[in-house]
Amino acid sequence: MPTAAAVPARVLTVAGSDSGGGAGIQADLKTMLAFGVHGMSVLTAVTAQNSLGVRGAWDLPVEAVRAQYRAVADDIGVQAVKTGMLSSAVLVETVAELLTGTDAPVVVDPVGVSKHGDPLLAAEALDSVRTRLLPVATVATPNLDEVAQLTGEGATDEPGMRRAAAAMLGFGPRWVVIKGGHLPGDPVDLLTDGDEEHWLRAPRHDNRHTHGTGCTLASAIACGLALGQDVPTAVREAKTYVTGAIAAGFPLGAGIGPVDHGWRGRG
């Protein structure tokens, strides 16, 4: 008799679709495959985008988002959840409510703008992110622009990143990763829970094809947590994976190409 296959860890992404395949749901699922987990998805929005930018975005109805989430969580179950594009207050609040009833670690990528500078979060939704979504996060992964958008705290150096982290932790996530890739010099991220502090450094690669880095990092962290890693280990391994994906990023279309989610298998 054939034996049953082992069931891989299950990770759910709650995010928008990127028709160009470099970010959003598409990047999340590629990352999950690379980490050997079973990826599942709740689609929150459809975007029309390519290497040059976002041409349009359409939110899904709240009922559709809730039904997708319940269909997965109630039957299959989840061992980690990653959130991405939640562009309206009602979507943020709906997803936060669903996460509150889910016994699994949550990685929140508070997506504010696309790689090309296109807004992906309504201004009126910011307070819902602060008061409803961030308090249920195991790890929040804002970049410097998103930190400034949420806290008003600008960071231009490492002491500024420490202040930004304190401001983000004030909203309730257990850990925060402040992504400092836009600072001068080699990229550095700060992971902290307010007590422990981990500075994660990597070489800067001369490659402009970096579409999808934020989605990919948050998804990779969620994969590590689903596999039983503690937060510092999951974040360190996610950082290593993203650094390799950036180094292997490739041109696609006339603008900014994506990171290479399958770089480990092309060695």
C-alpha atoms as a PDB file:
ATOM      1  CA  MET A   1       0.000   0.000   0.000  1.00  0.00           C
ATOM      2  CA  PRO A   2       1.301   3.495  -0.792  1.00  0.00           C
ATOM      3  CA  THR A   3       2.154   5.569   2.266  1.00  0.00           C
ATOM      4  CA  ALA A   4       0.645   9.025   2.748  1.00  0.00           C
ATOM      5  CA  ALA A   5       2.918  11.914   1.873  1.00  0.00           C
ATOM      6  CA  ALA A   6       4.038  14.174   4.700  1.00  0.00           C
ATOM      7  CA  VAL A   7       2.015  17.378   4.904  1.00  0.00           C
ATOM      8  CA  PRO A   8       4.219  20.474   4.572  1.00  0.00           C
ATOM      9  CA  ALA A   9       3.857  23.510   6.787  1.00  0.00           C
ATOM     10  CA  ARG A  10       0.977  25.748   5.665  1.00  0.00           C
ATOM     11  CA  VAL A  11       1.363  29.501   5.151  1.00  0.00           C
ATOM     12  CA  LEU A  12      -1.422  31.879   4.133  1.00  0.00           C
ATOM     13  CA  THR A  13      -0.858  35.173   2.327  1.00  0.00           C
ATOM     14  CA  VAL A  14      -3.527  37.888   2.483  1.00  0.00           C
ATOM     15  CA  ALA A  15      -2.542  40.382  -0.190  1.00  0.00           C
ATOM     16  CA  GLY A  16      -3.144  41.884  -3.610  1.00  0.00           C
ATOM     17  CA  SER A  17      -2.340  40.411  -7.003  1.00  0.00           C
ATOM     18  CA  ASP A  18       0.517  41.733  -9.150  1.00  0.00           C
ATOM     19  CA  SER A  19      -0.265  40.983 -12.786  1.00  0.00           C
ATOM     20  CA  GLY A  20       3.434  41.343 -13.628  1.00  0.00           C
ATOM     21  CA  GLY A  21       4.300  38.506 -11.258  1.00  0.00           C
ATOM     22  CA  GLY A  22       7.031  40.282  -9.289  1.00  0.00           C
ATOM     23  CA  ALA A  23       5.284  41.263  -6.047  1.00  0.00           C
ATOM     24  CA  GLY A  24       2.073  40.643  -4.142  1.00  0.00           C
ATOM     25  CA  ILE A  25       0.393  37.252  -4.059  1.00  0.00           C
ATOM     26  CA  GLN A  26       2.589  35.995  -6.885  1.00  0.00           C
ATOM     27  CA  ALA A  27       5.840  36.817  -5.064  1.00  0.00           C
ATOM     28  CA  ASP A  28       4.483  35.375  -1.834  1.00  0.00           C
ATOM     29  CA  LEU A  29       3.592  32.022  -3.357  1.00  0.00           C
ATOM     30  CA  LYS A  30       6.931  31.764  -5.176  1.00  0.00           C
ATOM     31  CA  THR A  31       8.726  32.434  -1.894  1.00  0.00           C
ATOM     32  CA  MET A  32       6.685  29.805  -0.099  1.00  0.00           C
ATOM     33  CA  LEU A  33       7.527  27.241  -2.759  1.00  0.00           C
ATOM     34  CA  ALA A  34      11.224  28.104  -2.380  1.00  0.00           C
ATOM     35  CA  PHE A  35      10.970  27.434   1.378  1.00  0.00           C
ATOM     36  CA  GLY A  36       9.175  24.124   0.908  1.00  0.00           C
ATOM     37  CA  VAL A  37       5.911  25.125   2.538  1.00  0.00           C
ATOM     38  CA  HIS A  38       2.369  24.911   1.174  1.00  0.00           C
ATOM     39  CA  GLY A  39       1.282  28.410   0.149  1.00  0.00           C
ATOM     40  CA  MET A  40      -2.363  29.493   0.242  1.00  0.00           C
ATOM     41  CA  SER A  41      -3.899  32.840  -0.622  1.00  0.00           C
ATOM     42  CA  VAL A  42      -6.621  35.325   0.178  1.00  0.00           C
ATOM     43  CA  LEU A  43      -6.846  37.894  -2.594  1.00  0.00           C
ATOM     44  CA  THR A  44      -7.663  41.415  -1.345  1.00  0.00           C
ATOM     45  CA  ALA A  45      -7.215  43.406  -4.553  1.00  0.00           C
ATOM     46  CA  VAL A  46      -6.445  43.069  -8.224  1.00  0.00           C
ATOM     47  CA  THR A  47      -3.842  45.389  -9.692  1.00  0.00           C
ATOM     48  CA  ALA A  48      -2.880  46.012 -13.289  1.00  0.00           C
ATOM     49  CA  GLN A  49       0.861  46.561 -13.106  1.00  0.00           C
ATOM     50  CA  ASN A  50       4.080  45.833 -14.910  1.00  0.00           C
ATOM     51  CA  SER A  51       7.744  46.796 -14.689  1.00  0.00           C
ATOM     52  CA  LEU A  52       6.836  50.475 -15.182  1.00  0.00           C
ATOM     53  CA  GLY A  53       4.212  50.900 -12.483  1.00  0.00           C
ATOM     54  CA  VAL A  54       0.633  50.350 -11.363  1.00  0.00           C
ATOM     55  CA  ARG A  55      -1.992  51.205 -13.993  1.00  0.00           C
ATOM     56  CA  GLY A  56      -4.990  50.464 -11.806  1.00  0.00           C
ATOM     57  CA  ALA A  57      -6.140  48.726  -8.626  1.00  0.00           C
ATOM     58  CA  TRP A  58      -9.510  47.311  -7.599  1.00  0.00           C
ATOM     59  CA  ASP A  59     -10.383  46.078  -4.108  1.00  0.00           C
ATOM     60  CA  LEU A  60     -12.330  42.864  -3.692  1.00  0.00           C
ATOM     61  CA  PRO A  61     -15.544  43.004  -1.646  1.00  0.00           C
ATOM     62  CA  VAL A  62     -15.145  42.407   2.069  1.00  0.00           C
ATOM     63  CA  GLU A  63     -17.441  39.373   1.761  1.00  0.00           C
ATOM     64  CA  ALA A  64     -15.077  37.796  -0.772  1.00  0.00           C
ATOM     65  CA  VAL A  65     -12.041  38.390   1.447  1.00  0.00           C
ATOM     66  CA  ARG A  66     -13.769  36.949   4.506  1.00  0.00           C
ATOM     67  CA  ALA A  67     -15.054  33.927   2.581  1.00  0.00           C
ATOM     68  CA  GLN A  68     -11.603  33.109   1.175  1.00  0.00           C
ATOM     69  CA  TYR A  69     -10.016  33.353   4.613  1.00  0.00           C
ATOM     70  CA  ARG A  70     -12.622  31.218   6.340  1.00  0.00           C
ATOM     71  CA  ALA A  71     -12.523  28.611   3.560  1.00  0.00           C
ATOM     72  CA  VAL A  72      -8.816  28.081   4.136  1.00  0.00           C
ATOM     73  CA  ALA A  73      -8.591  28.511   7.901  1.00  0.00           C
ATOM     74  CA  ASP A  74     -11.626  26.407   8.767  1.00  0.00           C
ATOM     75  CA  ASP A  75     -10.689  23.399   6.634  1.00  0.00           C
ATOM     76  CA  ILE A  76      -6.963  23.347   5.905  1.00  0.00           C
ATOM     77  CA  GLY A  77      -5.642  25.413   8.800  1.00  0.00           C
ATOM     78  CA  VAL A  78      -2.652  27.726   8.855  1.00  0.00           C
ATOM     79  CA  GLN A  79       0.677  27.770  10.691  1.00  0.00           C
ATOM     80  CA  ALA A  80       1.579  31.345   9.764  1.00  0.00           C
ATOM     81  CA  VAL A  81      -0.109  34.274   8.011  1.00  0.00           C
ATOM     82  CA  LYS A  82       1.462  37.081   6.009  1.00  0.00           C
ATOM     83  CA  THR A  83      -0.477  40.250   5.153  1.00  0.00           C
ATOM     84  CA  GLY A  84       0.363  42.635   2.341  1.00  0.00           C
ATOM     85  CA  MET A  85      -1.771  45.090   0.373  1.00  0.00           C
ATOM     86  CA  LEU A  86      -4.857  46.106   2.379  1.00  0.00           C
ATOM     87  CA  SER A  87      -5.763  49.368   0.738  1.00  0.00           C
ATOM     88  CA  SER A  88      -8.890  50.493   2.613  1.00  0.00           C
ATOM     89  CA  ALA A  89      -9.892  50.875   6.257  1.00  0.00           C
ATOM     90  CA  VAL A  90     -12.671  48.314   5.924  1.00  0.00           C
ATOM     91  CA  LEU A  91     -10.273  45.721   4.483  1.00  0.00           C
ATOM     92  CA  VAL A  92      -7.712  46.381   7.216  1.00  0.00           C
ATOM     93  CA  GLU A  93     -10.344  46.022   9.931  1.00  0.00           C
ATOM     94  CA  THR A  94     -11.849  42.890   8.404  1.00  0.00           C
ATOM     95  CA  VAL A  95      -8.485  41.156   8.125  1.00  0.00           C
ATOM     96  CA  ALA A  96      -7.464  42.242  11.625  1.00  0.00           C
ATOM     97  CA  GLU A  97     -10.662  40.696  12.985  1.00  0.00           C
ATOM     98  CA  LEU A  98      -9.972  37.437  11.154  1.00  0.00           C
ATOM     99  CA  LEU A  99      -6.385  37.341  12.407  1.00  0.00           C
ATOM    100  CA  THR A 100      -7.503  37.872  16.000  1.00  0.00           C
ATOM    101  CA  GLY A 101      -9.341  34.569  15.839  1.00  0.00           C
ATOM    102  CA  THR A 102      -6.429  32.653  14.278  1.00  0.00           C
ATOM    103  CA  ASP A 103      -3.910  30.844  16.473  1.00  0.00           C
ATOM    104  CA  ALA A 104      -0.838  31.369  14.294  1.00  0.00           C
ATOM    105  CA  PRO A 105       2.006  33.890  14.036  1.00  0.00           C
ATOM    106  CA  VAL A 106       1.275  36.876  11.809  1.00  0.00           C
ATOM    107  CA  VAL A 107       3.760  38.851   9.698  1.00  0.00           C
ATOM    108  CA  VAL A 108       2.407  42.271   8.704  1.00  0.00           C
ATOM    109  CA  ASP A 109       3.951  44.057   5.735  1.00  0.00           C
ATOM    110  CA  PRO A 110       2.244  47.481   6.012  1.00  0.00           C
ATOM    111  CA  VAL A 111       2.327  48.169   2.278  1.00  0.00           C
ATOM    112  CA  GLY A 112       1.984  51.888   1.595  1.00  0.00           C
ATOM    113  CA  VAL A 113       3.387  52.424  -1.889  1.00  0.00           C
ATOM    114  CA  SER A 114       4.627  50.273  -4.743  1.00  0.00           C
ATOM    115  CA  LYS A 115       8.251  50.031  -5.840  1.00  0.00           C
ATOM    116  CA  HIS A 116       7.435  52.717  -8.414  1.00  0.00           C
ATOM    117  CA  GLY A 117       5.903  55.113  -5.879  1.00  0.00           C
ATOM    118  CA  ASP A 118       2.253  54.341  -6.626  1.00  0.00           C
ATOM    119  CA  PRO A 119       0.027  54.638  -3.507  1.00  0.00           C
ATOM    120  CA  LEU A 120      -1.453  51.321  -2.357  1.00  0.00           C
ATOM    121  CA  LEU A 121      -2.930  52.389   0.992  1.00  0.00           C
ATOM    122  CA  ALA A 122      -5.650  55.009   1.413  1.00  0.00           C
ATOM    123  CA  ALA A 123      -4.795  57.792   3.854  1.00  0.00           C
ATOM    124  CA  GLU A 124      -7.965  57.090   5.834  1.00  0.00           C
ATOM    125  CA  ALA A 125      -6.806  53.505   6.411  1.00  0.00           C
ATOM    126  CA  LEU A 126      -3.649  54.507   8.290  1.00  0.00           C
ATOM    127  CA  ASP A 127      -5.356  54.728  11.656  1.00  0.00           C
ATOM    128  CA  SER A 128      -6.868  51.265  11.192  1.00  0.00           C
ATOM    129  CA  VAL A 129      -3.389  49.880  10.459  1.00  0.00           C
ATOM    130  CA  ARG A 130      -2.077  51.502  13.640  1.00  0.00           C
ATOM    131  CA  THR A 131      -4.907  50.526  15.971  1.00  0.00           C
ATOM    132  CA  ARG A 132      -6.255  47.252  14.542  1.00  0.00           C
ATOM    133  CA  LEU A 133      -3.653  45.497  12.365  1.00  0.00           C
ATOM    134  CA  LEU A 134      -0.306  46.169  14.031  1.00  0.00           C
ATOM    135  CA  PRO A 135      -1.497  45.020  17.486  1.00  0.00           C
ATOM    136  CA  VAL A 136      -2.087  41.478  16.122  1.00  0.00           C
ATOM    137  CA  ALA A 137       1.321  41.279  14.398  1.00  0.00           C
ATOM    138  CA  THR A 138       4.003  38.904  15.585  1.00  0.00           C
ATOM    139  CA  VAL A 139       6.415  40.740  13.272  1.00  0.00           C
ATOM    140  CA  ALA A 140       5.871  43.982  11.351  1.00  0.00           C
ATOM    141  CA  THR A 141       8.198  44.738   8.424  1.00  0.00           C
ATOM    142  CA  PRO A 142       7.936  48.423   7.415  1.00  0.00           C
ATOM    143  CA  ASN A 143      10.422  50.192   5.192  1.00  0.00           C
ATOM    144  CA  LEU A 144      11.514  53.731   6.047  1.00  0.00           C
ATOM    145  CA  ASP A 145       8.778  55.361   3.963  1.00  0.00           C
ATOM    146  CA  GLU A 146       6.107  53.246   5.652  1.00  0.00           C
ATOM    147  CA  VAL A 147       7.532  54.056   9.094  1.00  0.00           C
ATOM    148  CA  ALA A 148       7.329  57.760   8.297  1.00  0.00           C
ATOM    149  CA  GLN A 149       3.788  57.338   6.961  1.00  0.00           C
ATOM    150  CA  LEU A 150       2.621  55.513  10.094  1.00  0.00           C
ATOM    151  CA  THR A 151       4.602  57.269  12.833  1.00  0.00           C
ATOM    152  CA  GLY A 152       5.854  60.560  11.414  1.00  0.00           C
ATOM    153  CA  GLU A 153       9.337  59.396  12.438  1.00  0.00           C
ATOM    154  CA  GLY A 154      11.901  59.874   9.676  1.00  0.00           C
ATOM    155  CA  ALA A 155      15.131  57.883   9.789  1.00  0.00           C
ATOM    156  CA  THR A 156      18.339  58.836   8.018  1.00  0.00           C
ATOM    157  CA  ASP A 157      20.810  56.782  10.064  1.00  0.00           C
ATOM    158  CA  GLU A 158      20.983  53.869  12.467  1.00  0.00           C
ATOM    159  CA  PRO A 159      20.025  55.886  15.593  1.00  0.00           C
ATOM    160  CA  GLY A 160      17.014  57.086  13.620  1.00  0.00           C
ATOM    161  CA  MET A 161      16.114  53.483  12.818  1.00  0.00           C
ATOM    162  CA  ARG A 162      16.185  52.703  16.539  1.00  0.00           C
ATOM    163  CA  ARG A 163      13.775  55.583  17.215  1.00  0.00           C
ATOM    164  CA  ALA A 164      11.566  54.434  14.339  1.00  0.00           C
ATOM    165  CA  ALA A 165      11.464  50.919  15.780  1.00  0.00           C
ATOM    166  CA  ALA A 166      10.386  52.242  19.182  1.00  0.00           C
ATOM    167  CA  ALA A 167       7.606  54.233  17.544  1.00  0.00           C
ATOM    168  CA  MET A 168       6.382  51.192  15.607  1.00  0.00           C
ATOM    169  CA  LEU A 169       6.503  48.943  18.684  1.00  0.00           C
ATOM    170  CA  GLY A 170       4.261  51.487  20.391  1.00  0.00           C
ATOM    171  CA  PHE A 171       1.427  50.300  18.143  1.00  0.00           C
ATOM    172  CA  GLY A 172       1.627  46.785  19.543  1.00  0.00           C
ATOM    173  CA  PRO A 173       3.536  44.347  17.296  1.00  0.00           C
ATOM    174  CA  ARG A 174       5.714  41.935  19.264  1.00  0.00           C
ATOM    175  CA  TRP A 175       8.689  42.442  16.944  1.00  0.00           C
ATOM    176  CA  VAL A 176       9.492  44.949  14.221  1.00  0.00           C
ATOM    177  CA  VAL A 177      11.946  44.848  11.322  1.00  0.00           C
ATOM    178  CA  ILE A 178      12.896  48.349  10.183  1.00  0.00           C
ATOM    179  CA  LYS A 179      14.200  47.936   6.649  1.00  0.00           C
ATOM    180  CA  GLY A 180      17.059  50.343   5.995  1.00  0.00           C
ATOM    181  CA  GLY A 181      17.910  49.401   2.442  1.00  0.00           C
ATOM    182  CA  HIS A 182      17.405  52.987   1.226  1.00  0.00           C
ATOM    183  CA  LEU A 183      20.030  54.418   3.579  1.00  0.00           C
ATOM    184  CA  PRO A 184      23.512  55.197   2.216  1.00  0.00           C
ATOM    185  CA  GLY A 185      26.070  52.410   2.389  1.00  0.00           C
ATOM    186  CA  ASP A 186      25.431  48.693   2.617  1.00  0.00           C
ATOM    187  CA  PRO A 187      21.861  47.646   3.478  1.00  0.00           C
ATOM    188  CA  VAL A 188      21.072  47.199   7.148  1.00  0.00           C
ATOM    189  CA  ASP A 189      17.832  46.144   8.825  1.00  0.00           C
ATOM    190  CA  LEU A 190      16.996  46.434  12.521  1.00  0.00           C
ATOM    191  CA  LEU A 191      15.054  43.645  14.214  1.00  0.00           C
ATOM    192  CA  THR A 192      13.931  44.363  17.758  1.00  0.00           C
ATOM    193  CA  ASP A 193      11.233  43.630  20.304  1.00  0.00           C
ATOM    194  CA  GLY A 194      12.254  46.579  22.453  1.00  0.00           C
ATOM    195  CA  ASP A 195      14.665  44.480  24.523  1.00  0.00           C
ATOM    196  CA  GLU A 196      16.655  42.364  22.066  1.00  0.00           C
ATOM    197  CA  GLU A 197      18.265  44.177  19.156  1.00  0.00           C
ATOM    198  CA  HIS A 198      19.627  42.519  16.014  1.00  0.00           C
ATOM    199  CA  TRP A 199      21.333  44.487  13.228  1.00  0.00           C
ATOM    200  CA  LEU A 200      21.189  42.522   9.986  1.00  0.00           C
ATOM    201  CA  ARG A 201      23.739  43.602   7.394  1.00  0.00           C
ATOM    202  CA  ALA A 202      24.304  42.500   3.808  1.00  0.00           C
ATOM    203  CA  PRO A 203      26.341  43.668   0.818  1.00  0.00           C
ATOM    204  CA  ARG A 204      24.653  46.072  -1.576  1.00  0.00           C
ATOM    205  CA  HIS A 205      24.296  44.553  -5.036  1.00  0.00           C
ATOM    206  CA  ASP A 206      24.524  46.792  -8.076  1.00  0.00           C
ATOM    207  CA  ASN A 207      21.198  45.639  -9.470  1.00  0.00           C
ATOM    208  CA  ARG A 208      18.148  47.836  -9.927  1.00  0.00           C
ATOM    209  CA  HIS A 209      15.829  44.880 -10.498  1.00  0.00           C
ATOM    210  CA  THR A 210      14.401  44.705  -6.984  1.00  0.00           C
ATOM    211  CA  HIS A 211      10.636  44.578  -7.531  1.00  0.00           C
ATOM    212  CA  GLY A 212       8.988  42.470  -4.826  1.00  0.00           C
ATOM    213  CA  THR A 213      11.622  42.672  -2.091  1.00  0.00           C
ATOM    214  CA  GLY A 214       9.206  43.709   0.680  1.00  0.00           C
ATOM    215  CA  CYS A 215       6.619  41.044  -0.115  1.00  0.00           C
ATOM    216  CA  THR A 216       9.355  38.436  -0.426  1.00  0.00           C
ATOM    217  CA  LEU A 217      10.982  39.258   2.912  1.00  0.00           C
ATOM    218  CA  ALA A 218       7.708  39.178   4.836  1.00  0.00           C
ATOM    219  CA  SER A 219       6.678  35.901   3.203  1.00  0.00           C
ATOM    220  CA  ALA A 220      10.065  34.331   3.920  1.00  0.00           C
ATOM    221  CA  ILE A 221       9.760  35.305   7.590  1.00  0.00           C
ATOM    222  CA  ALA A 222       6.290  33.738   7.722  1.00  0.00           C
ATOM    223  CA  CYS A 223       7.710  30.548   6.223  1.00  0.00           C
ATOM    224  CA  GLY A 224      10.375  30.352   8.903  1.00  0.00           C
ATOM    225  CA  LEU A 225       7.830  30.862  11.667  1.00  0.00           C
ATOM    226  CA  ALA A 226       5.580  28.152  10.191  1.00  0.00           C
ATOM    227  CA  LEU A 227       8.576  25.807  10.170  1.00  0.00           C
ATOM    228  CA  GLY A 228       9.027  26.349  13.902  1.00  0.00           C
ATOM    229  CA  GLN A 229      11.865  28.878  13.922  1.00  0.00           C
ATOM    230  CA  ASP A 230      12.005  31.647  16.495  1.00  0.00           C
ATOM    231  CA  VAL A 231      11.665  35.205  15.228  1.00  0.00           C
ATOM    232  CA  PRO A 232      15.384  36.146  15.066  1.00  0.00           C
ATOM    233  CA  THR A 233      16.241  32.931  13.195  1.00  0.00           C
ATOM    234  CA  ALA A 234      13.328  33.322  10.773  1.00  0.00           C
ATOM    235  CA  VAL A 235      14.279  36.928  10.027  1.00  0.00           C
ATOM    236  CA  ARG A 236      17.973  36.154   9.549  1.00  0.00           C
ATOM    237  CA  GLU A 237      17.210  33.329   7.106  1.00  0.00           C
ATOM    238  CA  ALA A 238      14.673  35.488   5.282  1.00  0.00           C
ATOM    239  CA  LYS A 239      17.262  38.257   4.945  1.00  0.00           C
ATOM    240  CA  THR A 240      19.762  35.794   3.451  1.00  0.00           C
ATOM    241  CA  TYR A 241      17.171  34.548   0.969  1.00  0.00           C
ATOM    242  CA  VAL A 242      16.145  38.053  -0.112  1.00  0.00           C
ATOM    243  CA  THR A 243      19.749  39.181  -0.500  1.00  0.00           C
ATOM    244  CA  GLY A 244      20.366  36.278  -2.883  1.00  0.00           C
ATOM    245  CA  ALA A 245      17.138  37.020  -4.751  1.00  0.00           C
ATOM    246  CA  ILE A 246      18.178  40.655  -5.213  1.00  0.00           C
ATOM    247  CA  ALA A 247      21.611  39.645  -6.490  1.00  0.00           C
ATOM    248  CA  ALA A 248      19.900  37.432  -9.075  1.00  0.00           C
ATOM    249  CA  GLY A 249      17.165  39.933  -9.989  1.00  0.00           C
ATOM    250  CA  PHE A 250      16.637  40.108 -13.726  1.00  0.00           C
ATOM    251  CA  PRO A 251      15.375  42.618 -16.315  1.00  0.00           C
ATOM    252  CA  LEU A 252      11.759  42.193 -17.316  1.00  0.00           C
ATOM    253  CA  GLY A 253       9.949  44.729 -19.449  1.00  0.00           C
ATOM    254  CA  ALA A 254      11.177  48.290 -19.808  1.00  0.00           C
ATOM    255  CA  GLY A 255      11.369  49.211 -16.121  1.00  0.00           C
ATOM    256  CA  ILE A 256      12.292  47.609 -12.795  1.00  0.00           C
ATOM    257  CA  GLY A 257      12.474  43.828 -13.013  1.00  0.00           C
ATOM    258  CA  PRO A 258      11.749  41.374 -10.188  1.00  0.00           C
ATOM    259  CA  VAL A 259      13.988  39.624  -7.727  1.00  0.00           C
ATOM    260  CA  ASP A 260      14.618  35.984  -8.596  1.00  0.00           C
ATOM    261  CA  HIS A 261      12.624  33.803  -6.207  1.00  0.00           C
ATOM    262  CA  GLY A 262      14.137  30.638  -7.640  1.00  0.00           C
ATOM    263  CA  TRP A 263      17.789  31.673  -7.343  1.00  0.00           C
ATOM    264  CA  ARG A 264      18.684  28.831  -4.989  1.00  0.00           C
ATOM    265  CA  GLY A 265      17.807  26.274  -7.627  1.00  0.00           C
ATOM    266  CA  ARG A 266      19.862  27.933 -10.372  1.00  0.00           C
ATOM    267  CA  GLY A 267      23.300  27.585  -8.776  1.00  0.00           C
END
